[in-house]
C-alpha atoms as a PDB file:
ATOM      1  CA  MET A   1     -34.191  -5.633   4.432  1.00  0.00           C
ATOM      2  CA  LYS A   2     -36.215  -3.812   1.164  1.00  0.00           C
ATOM      3  CA  VAL A   3     -35.651  -5.632  -2.405  1.00  0.00           C
ATOM      4  CA  PHE A   4     -36.385  -3.321  -5.364  1.00  0.00           C
ATOM      5  CA  VAL A   5     -36.706  -5.029  -8.559  1.00  0.00           C
ATOM      6  CA  PRO A   6     -36.429  -2.410 -11.596  1.00  0.00           C
ATOM      7  CA  PRO A   7     -37.827  -2.953 -14.806  1.00  0.00           C
ATOM      8  CA  PRO A   8     -35.484  -5.048 -17.666  1.00  0.00           C
ATOM      9  CA  ASN A   9     -32.659  -2.639 -19.014  1.00  0.00           C
ATOM     10  CA  ARG A  10     -29.340  -2.918 -19.699  1.00  0.00           C
ATOM     11  CA  HIS A  11     -28.137   0.223 -17.797  1.00  0.00           C
ATOM     12  CA  PRO A  12     -24.406  -0.603 -16.468  1.00  0.00           C
ATOM     13  CA  GLY A  13     -24.190  -0.145 -12.536  1.00  0.00           C
ATOM     14  CA  LEU A  14     -22.180  -0.692  -9.283  1.00  0.00           C
ATOM     15  CA  VAL A  15     -23.257  -4.446  -9.703  1.00  0.00           C
ATOM     16  CA  ASP A  16     -21.756  -4.468 -13.553  1.00  0.00           C
ATOM     17  CA  ALA A  17     -18.640  -2.755 -12.564  1.00  0.00           C
ATOM     18  CA  LEU A  18     -17.610  -5.326  -9.509  1.00  0.00           C
ATOM     19  CA  GLY A  19     -18.800  -8.076 -11.690  1.00  0.00           C
ATOM     20  CA  LEU A  20     -16.356  -6.766 -14.953  1.00  0.00           C
ATOM     21  CA  ALA A  21     -13.523  -6.169 -12.059  1.00  0.00           C
ATOM     22  CA  GLY A  22     -14.221 -10.090 -10.797  1.00  0.00           C
ATOM     23  CA  LEU A  23     -14.583 -11.831 -14.193  1.00  0.00           C
ATOM     24  CA  LEU A  24     -11.378  -9.702 -15.268  1.00  0.00           C
ATOM     25  CA  GLY A  25      -8.987 -11.083 -11.544  1.00  0.00           C
ATOM     26  CA  LEU A  26     -10.742 -14.305 -12.035  1.00  0.00           C
ATOM     27  CA  LEU A  27      -9.342 -14.819 -15.596  1.00  0.00           C
ATOM     28  CA  VAL A  28      -5.919 -13.747 -14.921  1.00  0.00           C
ATOM     29  CA  ALA A  29      -5.702 -15.750 -11.988  1.00  0.00           C
ATOM     30  CA  ARG A  30      -6.862 -18.922 -14.056  1.00  0.00           C
ATOM     31  CA  TYR A  31      -4.448 -18.021 -16.969  1.00  0.00           C
ATOM     32  CA  ILE A  32      -1.931 -15.861 -15.627  1.00  0.00           C
ATOM     33  CA  PRO A  33       1.027 -17.144 -13.127  1.00  0.00           C
ATOM     34  CA  VAL A  34       1.427 -13.632 -11.084  1.00  0.00           C
ATOM     35  CA  ALA A  35       3.236 -15.078  -8.171  1.00  0.00           C
ATOM     36  CA  LYS A  36       5.770 -16.839 -10.497  1.00  0.00           C
ATOM     37  CA  LEU A  37       6.223 -13.611 -13.151  1.00  0.00           C
ATOM     38  CA  ILE A  38       6.307 -11.029 -10.842  1.00  0.00           C
ATOM     39  CA  PRO A  39       9.964 -11.196  -8.908  1.00  0.00           C
ATOM     40  CA  PHE A  40       9.003  -9.207  -5.958  1.00  0.00           C
ATOM     41  CA  TRP A  41       5.299 -10.842  -5.886  1.00  0.00           C
ATOM     42  CA  GLY A  42       4.494 -11.797  -2.127  1.00  0.00           C
ATOM     43  CA  CYS A  43       3.825 -10.126   1.467  1.00  0.00           C
ATOM     44  CA  ALA A  44       6.305  -8.190   2.611  1.00  0.00           C
ATOM     45  CA  LEU A  45       5.400  -8.538   6.242  1.00  0.00           C
ATOM     46  CA  ARG A  46       5.748 -12.016   6.025  1.00  0.00           C
ATOM     47  CA  GLU A  47       8.531 -11.933   4.335  1.00  0.00           C
ATOM     48  CA  GLN A  48      10.318  -9.735   7.384  1.00  0.00           C
ATOM     49  CA  THR A  49       8.785 -10.645  10.401  1.00  0.00           C
ATOM     50  CA  GLY A  50       7.326 -14.142   9.572  1.00  0.00           C
ATOM     51  CA  TRP A  51       3.908 -12.969  10.670  1.00  0.00           C
ATOM     52  CA  PRO A  52       0.722 -13.088   7.773  1.00  0.00           C
ATOM     53  CA  CYS A  53      -1.014  -9.555   7.226  1.00  0.00           C
ATOM     54  CA  LEU A  54      -4.830  -9.278   6.254  1.00  0.00           C
ATOM     55  CA  GLY A  55      -4.119  -9.754   2.774  1.00  0.00           C
ATOM     56  CA  CYS A  56      -2.062 -12.981   3.107  1.00  0.00           C
ATOM     57  CA  GLY A  57      -3.200 -15.843   0.894  1.00  0.00           C
ATOM     58  CA  LEU A  58      -5.508 -13.595  -1.417  1.00  0.00           C
ATOM     59  CA  THR A  59      -3.552 -14.909  -4.669  1.00  0.00           C
ATOM     60  CA  ARG A  60      -3.914 -18.398  -3.693  1.00  0.00           C
ATOM     61  CA  VAL A  61      -7.220 -17.779  -3.138  1.00  0.00           C
ATOM     62  CA  ALA A  62      -8.057 -16.360  -6.686  1.00  0.00           C
ATOM     63  CA  ASP A  63      -5.834 -19.120  -8.218  1.00  0.00           C
ATOM     64  CA  HIS A  64      -7.830 -22.002  -6.544  1.00  0.00           C
ATOM     65  CA  VAL A  65     -11.082 -20.682  -6.931  1.00  0.00           C
ATOM     66  CA  SER A  66     -10.369 -19.932 -10.476  1.00  0.00           C
ATOM     67  CA  HIS A  67      -9.330 -23.366 -10.670  1.00  0.00           C
ATOM     68  CA  LEU A  68     -12.870 -24.678  -8.566  1.00  0.00           C
ATOM     69  CA  HIS A  69     -10.536 -25.737  -5.875  1.00  0.00           C
ATOM     70  CA  PHE A  70     -12.991 -23.948  -3.219  1.00  0.00           C
ATOM     71  CA  LEU A  71     -11.452 -26.160  -0.217  1.00  0.00           C
ATOM     72  CA  LYS A  72      -8.178 -25.350  -0.764  1.00  0.00           C
ATOM     73  CA  ALA A  73      -8.686 -21.392  -1.408  1.00  0.00           C
ATOM     74  CA  TRP A  74     -10.833 -22.024   1.740  1.00  0.00           C
ATOM     75  CA  GLU A  75      -7.831 -23.341   3.885  1.00  0.00           C
ATOM     76  CA  ALA A  76      -5.740 -20.413   2.531  1.00  0.00           C
ATOM     77  CA  ASN A  77      -8.187 -17.301   3.302  1.00  0.00           C
ATOM     78  CA  PRO A  78     -11.524 -18.107   4.400  1.00  0.00           C
ATOM     79  CA  LEU A  79     -12.747 -14.646   3.732  1.00  0.00           C
ATOM     80  CA  GLY A  80     -11.268 -14.009   0.592  1.00  0.00           C
ATOM     81  CA  THR A  81     -12.747 -17.241  -0.690  1.00  0.00           C
ATOM     82  CA  VAL A  82     -16.198 -16.107  -0.012  1.00  0.00           C
ATOM     83  CA  ALA A  83     -15.470 -12.653  -1.623  1.00  0.00           C
ATOM     84  CA  ALA A  84     -13.838 -14.618  -4.322  1.00  0.00           C
ATOM     85  CA  CYS A  85     -16.955 -16.576  -4.843  1.00  0.00           C
ATOM     86  CA  ILE A  86     -19.064 -13.127  -4.587  1.00  0.00           C
ATOM     87  CA  PHE A  87     -17.318 -11.841  -7.175  1.00  0.00           C
ATOM     88  CA  ALA A  88     -17.671 -14.790  -9.307  1.00  0.00           C
ATOM     89  CA  LEU A  89     -21.493 -14.388  -8.587  1.00  0.00           C
ATOM     90  CA  LEU A  90     -21.331 -10.909  -9.595  1.00  0.00           C
ATOM     91  CA  ALA A  91     -19.553 -11.795 -12.984  1.00  0.00           C
ATOM     92  CA  VAL A  92     -22.470 -13.909 -13.713  1.00  0.00           C
ATOM     93  CA  MET A  93     -25.211 -11.572 -12.737  1.00  0.00           C
ATOM     94  CA  MET A  94     -22.886  -8.972 -14.845  1.00  0.00           C
ATOM     95  CA  VAL A  95     -23.431 -11.135 -18.267  1.00  0.00           C
ATOM     96  CA  LEU A  96     -27.040 -12.063 -17.237  1.00  0.00           C
ATOM     97  CA  HIS A  97     -27.721  -8.143 -16.950  1.00  0.00           C
ATOM     98  CA  LEU A  98     -26.040  -6.548 -20.168  1.00  0.00           C
ATOM     99  CA  VAL A  99     -26.859  -9.427 -22.354  1.00  0.00           C
ATOM    100  CA  PHE A 100     -30.050 -10.502 -21.638  1.00  0.00           C
ATOM    101  CA  LYS A 101     -31.788  -7.690 -19.355  1.00  0.00           C
ATOM    102  CA  VAL A 102     -32.073  -9.621 -16.552  1.00  0.00           C
ATOM    103  CA  PRO A 103     -32.933  -6.806 -13.869  1.00  0.00           C
ATOM    104  CA  VAL A 104     -30.743  -6.492 -11.156  1.00  0.00           C
ATOM    105  CA  PRO A 105     -32.006  -6.730  -7.931  1.00  0.00           C
ATOM    106  CA  GLU A 106     -31.279  -3.380  -5.079  1.00  0.00           C
ATOM    107  CA  LEU A 107     -31.011  -4.005  -1.456  1.00  0.00           C
ATOM    108  CA  HIS A 108     -32.008  -1.037   0.659  1.00  0.00           C
ATOM    109  CA  LEU A 109     -30.836  -1.837   4.612  1.00  0.00           C
ATOM    110  CA  SER A 110     -32.477  -0.223   7.213  1.00  0.00           C
ATOM    111  CA  PRO A 111     -30.274   2.039   9.767  1.00  0.00           C
ATOM    112  CA  ARG A 112     -30.726  -0.641  12.065  1.00  0.00           C
ATOM    113  CA  GLU A 113     -29.478  -3.329   9.374  1.00  0.00           C
ATOM    114  CA  TRP A 114     -26.316  -0.910   8.321  1.00  0.00           C
ATOM    115  CA  THR A 115     -25.184  -0.650  12.391  1.00  0.00           C
ATOM    116  CA  TRP A 116     -25.252  -4.739  12.515  1.00  0.00           C
ATOM    117  CA  VAL A 117     -23.415  -4.597   9.283  1.00  0.00           C
ATOM    118  CA  ARG A 118     -21.018  -2.226  10.510  1.00  0.00           C
ATOM    119  CA  ARG A 119     -20.443  -4.217  13.431  1.00  0.00           C
ATOM    120  CA  ALA A 120     -20.133  -7.725  11.916  1.00  0.00           C
ATOM    121  CA  LEU A 121     -17.400  -6.733   9.333  1.00  0.00           C
ATOM    122  CA  PRO A 122     -14.436  -6.067  12.096  1.00  0.00           C
ATOM    123  CA  VAL A 123     -15.300  -9.443  13.713  1.00  0.00           C
ATOM    124  CA  LEU A 124     -15.727 -11.055  10.455  1.00  0.00           C
ATOM    125  CA  LEU A 125     -12.376  -9.485   9.234  1.00  0.00           C
ATOM    126  CA  LEU A 126     -10.888 -10.346  12.983  1.00  0.00           C
ATOM    127  CA  VAL A 127     -11.752 -14.078  13.285  1.00  0.00           C
ATOM    128  CA  ASN A 128     -10.424 -14.300   9.486  1.00  0.00           C
ATOM    129  CA  TYR A 129      -6.939 -13.021  10.449  1.00  0.00           C
ATOM    130  CA  ALA A 130      -6.821 -14.977  13.659  1.00  0.00           C
ATOM    131  CA  TYR A 131      -7.300 -18.148  11.301  1.00  0.00           C
ATOM    132  CA  VAL A 132      -4.378 -16.939   9.062  1.00  0.00           C
ATOM    133  CA  VAL A 133      -2.260 -16.125  11.897  1.00  0.00           C
ATOM    134  CA  VAL A 134      -3.006 -19.855  13.482  1.00  0.00           C
ATOM    135  CA  LYS A 135      -2.663 -21.315   9.742  1.00  0.00           C
ATOM    136  CA  THR A 136       0.650 -19.635   9.172  1.00  0.00           C
ATOM    137  CA  LYS A 137       2.431 -19.977  12.759  1.00  0.00           C
ATOM    138  CA  PHE A 138       0.705 -22.713  14.439  1.00  0.00           C
ATOM    139  CA  PRO A 139      -0.745 -25.083  12.223  1.00  0.00           C
ATOM    140  CA  HIS A 140      -0.370 -27.938  14.740  1.00  0.00           C
ATOM    141  CA  LEU A 141      -3.530 -26.497  16.816  1.00  0.00           C
ATOM    142  CA  LEU A 142      -5.154 -27.207  13.700  1.00  0.00           C
ATOM    143  CA  MET A 143      -5.295 -30.483  13.548  1.00  0.00           C
END
């Protein structure tokens, strides 16, 4: 892995776009109770079958992370908690970059490192989904 640090600038990029999305998402989660306001909000798969989908718990994760309740967020969906925290970090990086001209480091992965990333992501998703299923359907197994 190589890290490239560009000169100070205010040129918006992918990190800034993701940071803005993260900031807006966490602000909505913090101040607007989406799940209570929208009557059809929820997991259709879980409502019909009783089994959670891959994204079950993400609304609760955003709500808990925005209120700084990280343990509750982790219990709802661990991988979603990691993603929400990364989005929060990207929001901070966006502000530092666009306001104070702090350069955003660029990571360059080798083909071998990209192979490891592509192999690890499905495993992480599967382990996370297994946790969500056990937490939802068999909570007594986690005690």
